[in-house]
C-alpha atoms as a PDB file:
ATOM      1  CA  ASP A   1      -3.000 -96.032 -85.199  1.00  0.00           C
ATOM      2  CA  GLY A   2      -6.229 -96.801 -87.036  1.00  0.00           C
ATOM      3  CA  SER A   3      -4.742 -96.327 -90.510  1.00  0.00           C
ATOM      4  CA  VAL A   4      -6.357 -98.334 -93.292  1.00  0.00           C
ATOM      5  CA  LEU A   5      -3.912-100.625 -95.090  1.00  0.00           C
ATOM      6  CA  ASN A   6      -4.319-100.806 -98.832  1.00  0.00           C
ATOM      7  CA  PHE A   7      -4.565-104.226-100.464  1.00  0.00           C
ATOM      8  CA  VAL A   8      -1.791-104.979-102.947  1.00  0.00           C
ATOM      9  CA  ASP A   9      -1.208-107.980-105.186  1.00  0.00           C
ATOM     10  CA  CYS A  10       2.549-107.944-104.646  1.00  0.00           C
ATOM     11  CA  GLU A  11       4.905-106.517-102.016  1.00  0.00           C
ATOM     12  CA  LYS A  12       8.697-106.637-101.987  1.00  0.00           C
ATOM     13  CA  ASP A  13      10.247-107.725 -98.695  1.00  0.00           C
ATOM     14  CA  LEU A  14      14.036-108.105 -98.326  1.00  0.00           C
ATOM     15  CA  GLY A  15      14.370-108.229-102.086  1.00  0.00           C
ATOM     16  CA  VAL A  16      11.713-110.912-102.572  1.00  0.00           C
ATOM     17  CA  ASP A  17       8.400-110.259-104.341  1.00  0.00           C
ATOM     18  CA  ILE A  18       5.639-111.720-102.149  1.00  0.00           C
ATOM     19  CA  THR A  19       2.299-112.131-103.920  1.00  0.00           C
ATOM     20  CA  CYS A  20      -1.129-112.756-102.438  1.00  0.00           C
ATOM     21  CA  LYS A  21      -1.125-116.220-104.038  1.00  0.00           C
ATOM     22  CA  LEU A  22       2.448-117.070-102.963  1.00  0.00           C
ATOM     23  CA  SER A  23       3.457-117.388-106.594  1.00  0.00           C
ATOM     24  CA  TRP A  24       7.090-116.662-107.455  1.00  0.00           C
ATOM     25  CA  ASN A  25       6.535-115.890-111.138  1.00  0.00           C
ATOM     26  CA  SER A  26       6.899-112.165-110.525  1.00  0.00           C
ATOM     27  CA  GLN A  27      10.118-112.680-108.575  1.00  0.00           C
ATOM     28  CA  CYS A  28      11.602-114.938-111.246  1.00  0.00           C
ATOM     29  CA  ASP A  29      10.604-112.578-114.071  1.00  0.00           C
ATOM     30  CA  ARG A  30      12.142-109.594-112.291  1.00  0.00           C
ATOM     31  CA  LEU A  31      15.398-111.403-111.564  1.00  0.00           C
ATOM     32  CA  TYR A  32      15.512-112.757-115.107  1.00  0.00           C
ATOM     33  CA  SER A  33      15.278-109.234-116.527  1.00  0.00           C
ATOM     34  CA  LYS A  34      17.881-107.900-114.096  1.00  0.00           C
ATOM     35  CA  ALA A  35      20.279-110.787-114.782  1.00  0.00           C
ATOM     36  CA  CYS A  36      19.911-110.340-118.547  1.00  0.00           C
ATOM     37  CA  GLN A  37      20.644-106.652-118.135  1.00  0.00           C
ATOM     38  CA  GLN A  38      23.748-107.334-116.045  1.00  0.00           C
ATOM     39  CA  LEU A  39      24.955-109.987-118.480  1.00  0.00           C
ATOM     40  CA  GLY A  40      24.513-107.548-121.367  1.00  0.00           C
ATOM     41  CA  ILE A  41      26.577-104.937-119.519  1.00  0.00           C
ATOM     42  CA  ILE A  42      29.529-107.238-118.825  1.00  0.00           C
ATOM     43  CA  ARG A  43      29.465-108.595-122.376  1.00  0.00           C
ATOM     44  CA  ARG A  44      29.558-105.083-123.866  1.00  0.00           C
ATOM     45  CA  ASN A  45      32.006-103.534-121.425  1.00  0.00           C
ATOM     46  CA  GLY A  46      34.058-106.619-120.655  1.00  0.00           C
ATOM     47  CA  HIS A  47      35.093-107.364-124.232  1.00  0.00           C
ATOM     48  CA  ILE A  48      38.730-106.637-123.345  1.00  0.00           C
ATOM     49  CA  VAL A  49      38.615-109.473-120.807  1.00  0.00           C
ATOM     50  CA  SER A  50      39.436-112.713-122.601  1.00  0.00           C
ATOM     51  CA  ASN A  51      40.635-114.874-119.722  1.00  0.00           C
ATOM     52  CA  PRO A  52      37.897-117.446-118.889  1.00  0.00           C
ATOM     53  CA  ARG A  53      38.716-117.262-115.167  1.00  0.00           C
ATOM     54  CA  CYS A  54      38.213-113.486-115.136  1.00  0.00           C
ATOM     55  CA  ARG A  55      35.016-113.776-117.143  1.00  0.00           C
ATOM     56  CA  ARG A  56      33.802-116.450-114.732  1.00  0.00           C
ATOM     57  CA  ALA A  57      34.451-114.133-111.787  1.00  0.00           C
ATOM     58  CA  LEU A  58      32.501-111.327-113.483  1.00  0.00           C
ATOM     59  CA  TYR A  59      29.549-113.615-114.131  1.00  0.00           C
ATOM     60  CA  LEU A  60      29.444-115.017-110.602  1.00  0.00           C
ATOM     61  CA  SER A  61      29.702-111.625-108.914  1.00  0.00           C
ATOM     62  CA  LEU A  62      27.425-109.554-111.146  1.00  0.00           C
ATOM     63  CA  VAL A  63      24.935-111.981-112.722  1.00  0.00           C
ATOM     64  CA  ARG A  64      24.733-115.277-110.855  1.00  0.00           C
ATOM     65  CA  SER A  65      24.550-113.401-107.546  1.00  0.00           C
ATOM     66  CA  GLN A  66      21.128-112.103-108.615  1.00  0.00           C
ATOM     67  CA  PHE A  67      19.779-115.623-108.128  1.00  0.00           C
ATOM     68  CA  GLU A  68      21.415-116.217-104.739  1.00  0.00           C
ATOM     69  CA  ASN A  69      19.499-113.887-102.413  1.00  0.00           C
ATOM     70  CA  CYS A  70      16.863-115.800-100.392  1.00  0.00           C
ATOM     71  CA  SER A  71      16.639-118.507-103.059  1.00  0.00           C
ATOM     72  CA  VAL A  72      15.390-120.996-100.454  1.00  0.00           C
ATOM     73  CA  VAL A  73      12.225-118.875-100.305  1.00  0.00           C
ATOM     74  CA  TRP A  74      11.512-118.074-103.945  1.00  0.00           C
ATOM     75  CA  ARG A  75      13.403-120.622-106.065  1.00  0.00           C
ATOM     76  CA  PRO A  76      11.494-121.752-109.173  1.00  0.00           C
ATOM     77  CA  THR A  77       9.726-125.085-108.759  1.00  0.00           C
ATOM     78  CA  THR A  78       8.475-125.516-112.320  1.00  0.00           C
ATOM     79  CA  LEU A  79      10.489-126.707-115.295  1.00  0.00           C
ATOM     80  CA  SER A  80       9.548-123.690-117.415  1.00  0.00           C
ATOM     81  CA  LEU A  81      10.752-121.120-114.866  1.00  0.00           C
ATOM     82  CA  THR A  82      13.902-123.094-114.085  1.00  0.00           C
ATOM     83  CA  SER A  83      14.729-123.415-117.796  1.00  0.00           C
ATOM     84  CA  LYS A  84      14.141-119.689-118.260  1.00  0.00           C
ATOM     85  CA  LEU A  85      16.711-118.783-115.598  1.00  0.00           C
ATOM     86  CA  GLU A  86      19.049-121.551-116.739  1.00  0.00           C
ATOM     87  CA  GLY A  87      19.063-119.941-120.168  1.00  0.00           C
ATOM     88  CA  VAL A  88      20.787-116.880-118.705  1.00  0.00           C
ATOM     89  CA  GLN A  89      23.610-119.048-117.385  1.00  0.00           C
ATOM     90  CA  MET A  90      23.889-120.898-120.679  1.00  0.00           C
ATOM     91  CA  ARG A  91      24.413-117.616-122.530  1.00  0.00           C
ATOM     92  CA  ALA A  92      26.931-116.528-119.910  1.00  0.00           C
ATOM     93  CA  LEU A  93      28.774-119.830-120.210  1.00  0.00           C
ATOM     94  CA  LYS A  94      29.154-119.373-123.954  1.00  0.00           C
ATOM     95  CA  TRP A  95      30.593-115.912-123.316  1.00  0.00           C
ATOM     96  CA  ILE A  96      32.975-117.206-120.650  1.00  0.00           C
ATOM     97  CA  LEU A  97      34.288-119.894-123.013  1.00  0.00           C
ATOM     98  CA  SER A  98      34.182-117.657-126.123  1.00  0.00           C
ATOM     99  CA  GLU A  99      31.756-120.071-127.815  1.00  0.00           C
ATOM    100  CA  GLU A 100      28.799-117.754-128.360  1.00  0.00           C
ATOM    101  CA  SER A 101      28.029-119.150-131.801  1.00  0.00           C
ATOM    102  CA  ARG A 102      27.747-122.728-130.524  1.00  0.00           C
ATOM    103  CA  SER A 103      24.672-124.584-129.325  1.00  0.00           C
ATOM    104  CA  TYR A 104      24.803-126.649-126.142  1.00  0.00           C
ATOM    105  CA  PRO A 105      22.621-129.758-125.835  1.00  0.00           C
ATOM    106  CA  ASN A 106      21.706-130.599-122.238  1.00  0.00           C
ATOM    107  CA  GLU A 107      24.523-133.093-121.663  1.00  0.00           C
ATOM    108  CA  GLN A 108      27.125-130.810-123.220  1.00  0.00           C
ATOM    109  CA  TYR A 109      25.847-127.878-121.169  1.00  0.00           C
ATOM    110  CA  PHE A 110      26.366-129.903-117.981  1.00  0.00           C
ATOM    111  CA  MET A 111      29.941-130.800-118.958  1.00  0.00           C
ATOM    112  CA  LYS A 112      30.692-127.188-119.904  1.00  0.00           C
ATOM    113  CA  CYS A 113      29.449-126.096-116.473  1.00  0.00           C
ATOM    114  CA  LYS A 114      31.689-128.677-114.865  1.00  0.00           C
ATOM    115  CA  SER A 115      34.704-127.521-116.877  1.00  0.00           C
ATOM    116  CA  VAL A 116      34.455-124.056-115.303  1.00  0.00           C
ATOM    117  CA  ASP A 117      33.210-125.330-111.915  1.00  0.00           C
ATOM    118  CA  ILE A 118      29.822-123.609-112.052  1.00  0.00           C
ATOM    119  CA  LEU A 119      26.883-125.752-110.998  1.00  0.00           C
ATOM    120  CA  PRO A 120      23.848-125.648-113.291  1.00  0.00           C
ATOM    121  CA  LEU A 121      21.300-123.319-111.700  1.00  0.00           C
ATOM    122  CA  SER A 122      18.871-126.143-110.974  1.00  0.00           C
ATOM    123  CA  LEU A 123      21.554-127.893-108.909  1.00  0.00           C
ATOM    124  CA  LYS A 124      22.672-124.641-107.309  1.00  0.00           C
ATOM    125  CA  PHE A 125      19.134-124.129-106.029  1.00  0.00           C
ATOM    126  CA  GLU A 126      19.156-127.673-104.634  1.00  0.00           C
ATOM    127  CA  LEU A 127      22.523-127.022-103.009  1.00  0.00           C
ATOM    128  CA  ASN A 128      21.277-123.850-101.324  1.00  0.00           C
ATOM    129  CA  ASP A 129      18.136-125.610-100.108  1.00  0.00           C
ATOM    130  CA  LEU A 130      20.053-128.527 -98.629  1.00  0.00           C
ATOM    131  CA  LEU A 131      22.738-126.367 -97.015  1.00  0.00           C
ATOM    132  CA  PHE A 132      20.140-124.389 -95.098  1.00  0.00           C
ATOM    133  CA  PHE A 133      18.127-127.519 -94.313  1.00  0.00           C
ATOM    134  CA  HIS A 134      21.286-129.139 -92.897  1.00  0.00           C
ATOM    135  CA  LYS A 135      21.734-126.209 -90.502  1.00  0.00           C
ATOM    136  CA  VAL A 136      18.139-126.566 -89.329  1.00  0.00           C
ATOM    137  CA  VAL A 137      18.444-130.330 -88.815  1.00  0.00           C
ATOM    138  CA  TYR A 138      21.612-129.999 -86.717  1.00  0.00           C
ATOM    139  CA  GLY A 139      20.443-126.986 -84.726  1.00  0.00           C
ATOM    140  CA  ILE A 140      22.950-124.578 -86.260  1.00  0.00           C
ATOM    141  CA  SER A 141      20.118-122.297 -87.366  1.00  0.00           C
ATOM    142  CA  PRO A 142      17.676-120.792 -84.836  1.00  0.00           C
ATOM    143  CA  ILE A 143      14.846-122.007 -87.077  1.00  0.00           C
ATOM    144  CA  SER A 144      13.256-125.334 -86.137  1.00  0.00           C
ATOM    145  CA  LEU A 145      11.716-128.035 -88.288  1.00  0.00           C
ATOM    146  CA  PRO A 146       7.971-127.511 -88.840  1.00  0.00           C
ATOM    147  CA  TYR A 147       5.524-129.516 -86.744  1.00  0.00           C
ATOM    148  CA  TYR A 148       4.690-131.904 -89.588  1.00  0.00           C
ATOM    149  CA  LEU A 149       8.263-133.172 -90.063  1.00  0.00           C
ATOM    150  CA  SER A 150       9.820-135.699 -87.690  1.00  0.00           C
ATOM    151  CA  PHE A 151      12.638-138.232 -87.803  1.00  0.00           C
ATOM    152  CA  TYR A 152      11.750-141.757 -88.821  1.00  0.00           C
ATOM    153  CA  LYS A 153      11.306-143.999 -85.799  1.00  0.00           C
ATOM    154  CA  GLY A 154      11.603-147.339 -87.581  1.00  0.00           C
ATOM    155  CA  ASN A 155       8.029-148.478 -87.044  1.00  0.00           C
ATOM    156  CA  SER A 156       6.889-148.564 -90.659  1.00  0.00           C
ATOM    157  CA  ARG A 157       5.174-151.776 -91.811  1.00  0.00           C
ATOM    158  CA  LEU A 158       6.136-151.236 -95.422  1.00  0.00           C
ATOM    159  CA  ARG A 159       8.232-154.053 -96.831  1.00  0.00           C
ATOM    160  CA  ARG A 160      10.292-151.851 -99.069  1.00  0.00           C
ATOM    161  CA  CYS A 161      11.118-148.995 -96.740  1.00  0.00           C
ATOM    162  CA  HIS A 162      14.443-147.267 -97.282  1.00  0.00           C
ATOM    163  CA  PHE A 163      14.157-144.824 -94.409  1.00  0.00           C
ATOM    164  CA  ASP A 164      16.860-144.623 -91.745  1.00  0.00           C
ATOM    165  CA  SER A 165      17.413-142.731 -88.502  1.00  0.00           C
ATOM    166  CA  LEU A 166      18.222-139.497 -90.356  1.00  0.00           C
ATOM    167  CA  SER A 167      15.225-139.692 -92.689  1.00  0.00           C
ATOM    168  CA  LEU A 168      12.362-137.270 -92.159  1.00  0.00           C
ATOM    169  CA  VAL A 169       8.719-138.167 -92.579  1.00  0.00           C
ATOM    170  CA  SER A 170       5.811-135.803 -93.056  1.00  0.00           C
ATOM    171  CA  SER A 171       2.539-136.121 -91.169  1.00  0.00           C
ATOM    172  CA  VAL A 172       0.747-134.126 -93.868  1.00  0.00           C
ATOM    173  CA  THR A 173       0.369-134.782 -97.576  1.00  0.00           C
ATOM    174  CA  PRO A 174      -0.160-132.156-100.289  1.00  0.00           C
ATOM    175  CA  ALA A 175      -3.802-132.315-101.346  1.00  0.00           C
ATOM    176  CA  SER A 176      -3.083-132.501-105.080  1.00  0.00           C
ATOM    177  CA  SER A 177      -0.701-135.451-104.617  1.00  0.00           C
ATOM    178  CA  LEU A 178      -3.634-137.587-103.505  1.00  0.00           C
ATOM    179  CA  SER A 179      -5.056-137.569-107.012  1.00  0.00           C
ATOM    180  CA  SER A 180      -1.979-136.923-109.131  1.00  0.00           C
ATOM    181  CA  THR A 181       1.629-137.989-109.322  1.00  0.00           C
ATOM    182  CA  CYS A 182       2.583-134.355-109.771  1.00  0.00           C
ATOM    183  CA  SER A 183       1.736-132.033-106.908  1.00  0.00           C
ATOM    184  CA  ASN A 184       1.421-128.334-107.605  1.00  0.00           C
ATOM    185  CA  GLY A 185       0.000-127.116-104.288  1.00  0.00           C
ATOM    186  CA  PRO A 186       1.626-124.490-102.049  1.00  0.00           C
ATOM    187  CA  LEU A 187       2.748-127.115 -99.502  1.00  0.00           C
ATOM    188  CA  SER A 188       4.600-129.222-102.053  1.00  0.00           C
ATOM    189  CA  LYS A 189       6.482-126.129-103.262  1.00  0.00           C
ATOM    190  CA  SER A 190       7.297-124.844 -99.786  1.00  0.00           C
ATOM    191  CA  PHE A 191      10.895-124.995 -98.579  1.00  0.00           C
ATOM    192  CA  PHE A 192      10.623-127.584 -95.822  1.00  0.00           C
ATOM    193  CA  TYR A 193       8.358-129.997 -97.667  1.00  0.00           C
ATOM    194  CA  ARG A 194      10.262-130.006-100.946  1.00  0.00           C
ATOM    195  CA  THR A 195      13.672-130.088 -99.247  1.00  0.00           C
ATOM    196  CA  HIS A 196      12.912-132.939 -96.855  1.00  0.00           C
ATOM    197  CA  LEU A 197      12.353-135.085 -99.953  1.00  0.00           C
ATOM    198  CA  LEU A 198      15.747-134.046-101.330  1.00  0.00           C
ATOM    199  CA  TRP A 199      17.328-134.707 -97.929  1.00  0.00           C
ATOM    200  CA  ASN A 200      15.950-138.252 -97.753  1.00  0.00           C
ATOM    201  CA  ARG A 201      17.457-139.089-101.145  1.00  0.00           C
ATOM    202  CA  LEU A 202      20.978-138.213-100.030  1.00  0.00           C
ATOM    203  CA  PRO A 203      23.306-141.061 -98.946  1.00  0.00           C
ATOM    204  CA  PHE A 204      23.246-141.668 -95.188  1.00  0.00           C
ATOM    205  CA  GLU A 205      26.985-141.022 -94.845  1.00  0.00           C
ATOM    206  CA  LEU A 206      26.452-137.598 -96.388  1.00  0.00           C
ATOM    207  CA  ARG A 207      23.523-136.669 -94.131  1.00  0.00           C
ATOM    208  CA  GLU A 208      25.419-137.676 -90.990  1.00  0.00           C
ATOM    209  CA  ILE A 209      28.116-135.036 -91.587  1.00  0.00           C
ATOM    210  CA  THR A 210      27.577-132.368 -88.935  1.00  0.00           C
ATOM    211  CA  SER A 211      30.110-129.749 -90.058  1.00  0.00           C
ATOM    212  CA  PRO A 212      28.500-127.223 -92.475  1.00  0.00           C
ATOM    213  CA  SER A 213      31.726-126.708 -94.428  1.00  0.00           C
ATOM    214  CA  LEU A 214      32.412-130.434 -94.807  1.00  0.00           C
ATOM    215  CA  PHE A 215      28.781-131.058 -95.703  1.00  0.00           C
ATOM    216  CA  LYS A 216      28.905-128.370 -98.406  1.00  0.00           C
ATOM    217  CA  SER A 217      32.051-129.824 -99.931  1.00  0.00           C
ATOM    218  CA  ALA A 218      30.723-133.402 -99.896  1.00  0.00           C
ATOM    219  CA  LEU A 219      27.296-132.343-101.166  1.00  0.00           C
ATOM    220  CA  THR A 220      28.764-130.398-104.082  1.00  0.00           C
ATOM    221  CA  LYS A 221      30.801-133.434-105.150  1.00  0.00           C
ATOM    222  CA  HIS A 222      27.718-135.630-104.787  1.00  0.00           C
ATOM    223  CA  LEU A 223      25.584-133.357-106.981  1.00  0.00           C
ATOM    224  CA  TRP A 224      28.194-133.288-109.726  1.00  0.00           C
ATOM    225  CA  LYS A 225      28.574-137.063-109.659  1.00  0.00           C
ATOM    226  CA  ALA A 226      24.874-137.893-109.336  1.00  0.00           C
ATOM    227  CA  HIS A 227      23.887-135.815-112.364  1.00  0.00           C
ATOM    228  CA  GLU A 228      26.850-136.548-114.615  1.00  0.00           C
ATOM    229  CA  PRO A 229      25.664-137.835-118.005  1.00  0.00           C
ATOM    230  CA  ASN A 230      26.355-141.460-118.851  1.00  0.00           C
ATOM    231  CA  GLU A 231      29.163-142.070-121.290  1.00  0.00           C
ATOM    232  CA  ASP A 232      27.136-144.650-123.235  1.00  0.00           C
END
């Protein structure tokens, strides 16, 4: 209709803050504040609830759910942002287990999460990514793989190639990865590129599961086992 659209640095769409630079810092900061607020509410008003199972249910429904919506789009890809959000869950875990005065080293935090069957947030984000990616790979989702991803055809000349028929290879490479072992470009942080790398690392027998429910169950067990601290 000829109306002039104003330029904005950030616009919220379906609950996700989209910035002009495709940075998710604003989204993570907003969810962090909201999750902290929700956690404070249940800690103040839920003091009469002492059962860990009930406290767990309160956390999952009112706090952890803040990080679930569209996480495949905005999930943090830097250690600092991931640790910031993980800190919310660590505080919640101490409340659930009535151990708020204790300090959890990384390994102990993982085992505490396992004791109440709550994946660390970093693994929960990986789980969500892979569950959606699985649906795309097997045609369960109407979304298709991007043009630059294709299944490995077995014609690599590399001696040490661990690809198989369910591995995906990319025809494009993030620009920053050409000069650095750590890529920070938009492509490397995008859903399909980052998740195809996670997909290729999964055992073949896990990737060949076609049922979404069976895949979710097997993947959850795999993530727990793969990241369990050594007993040594």
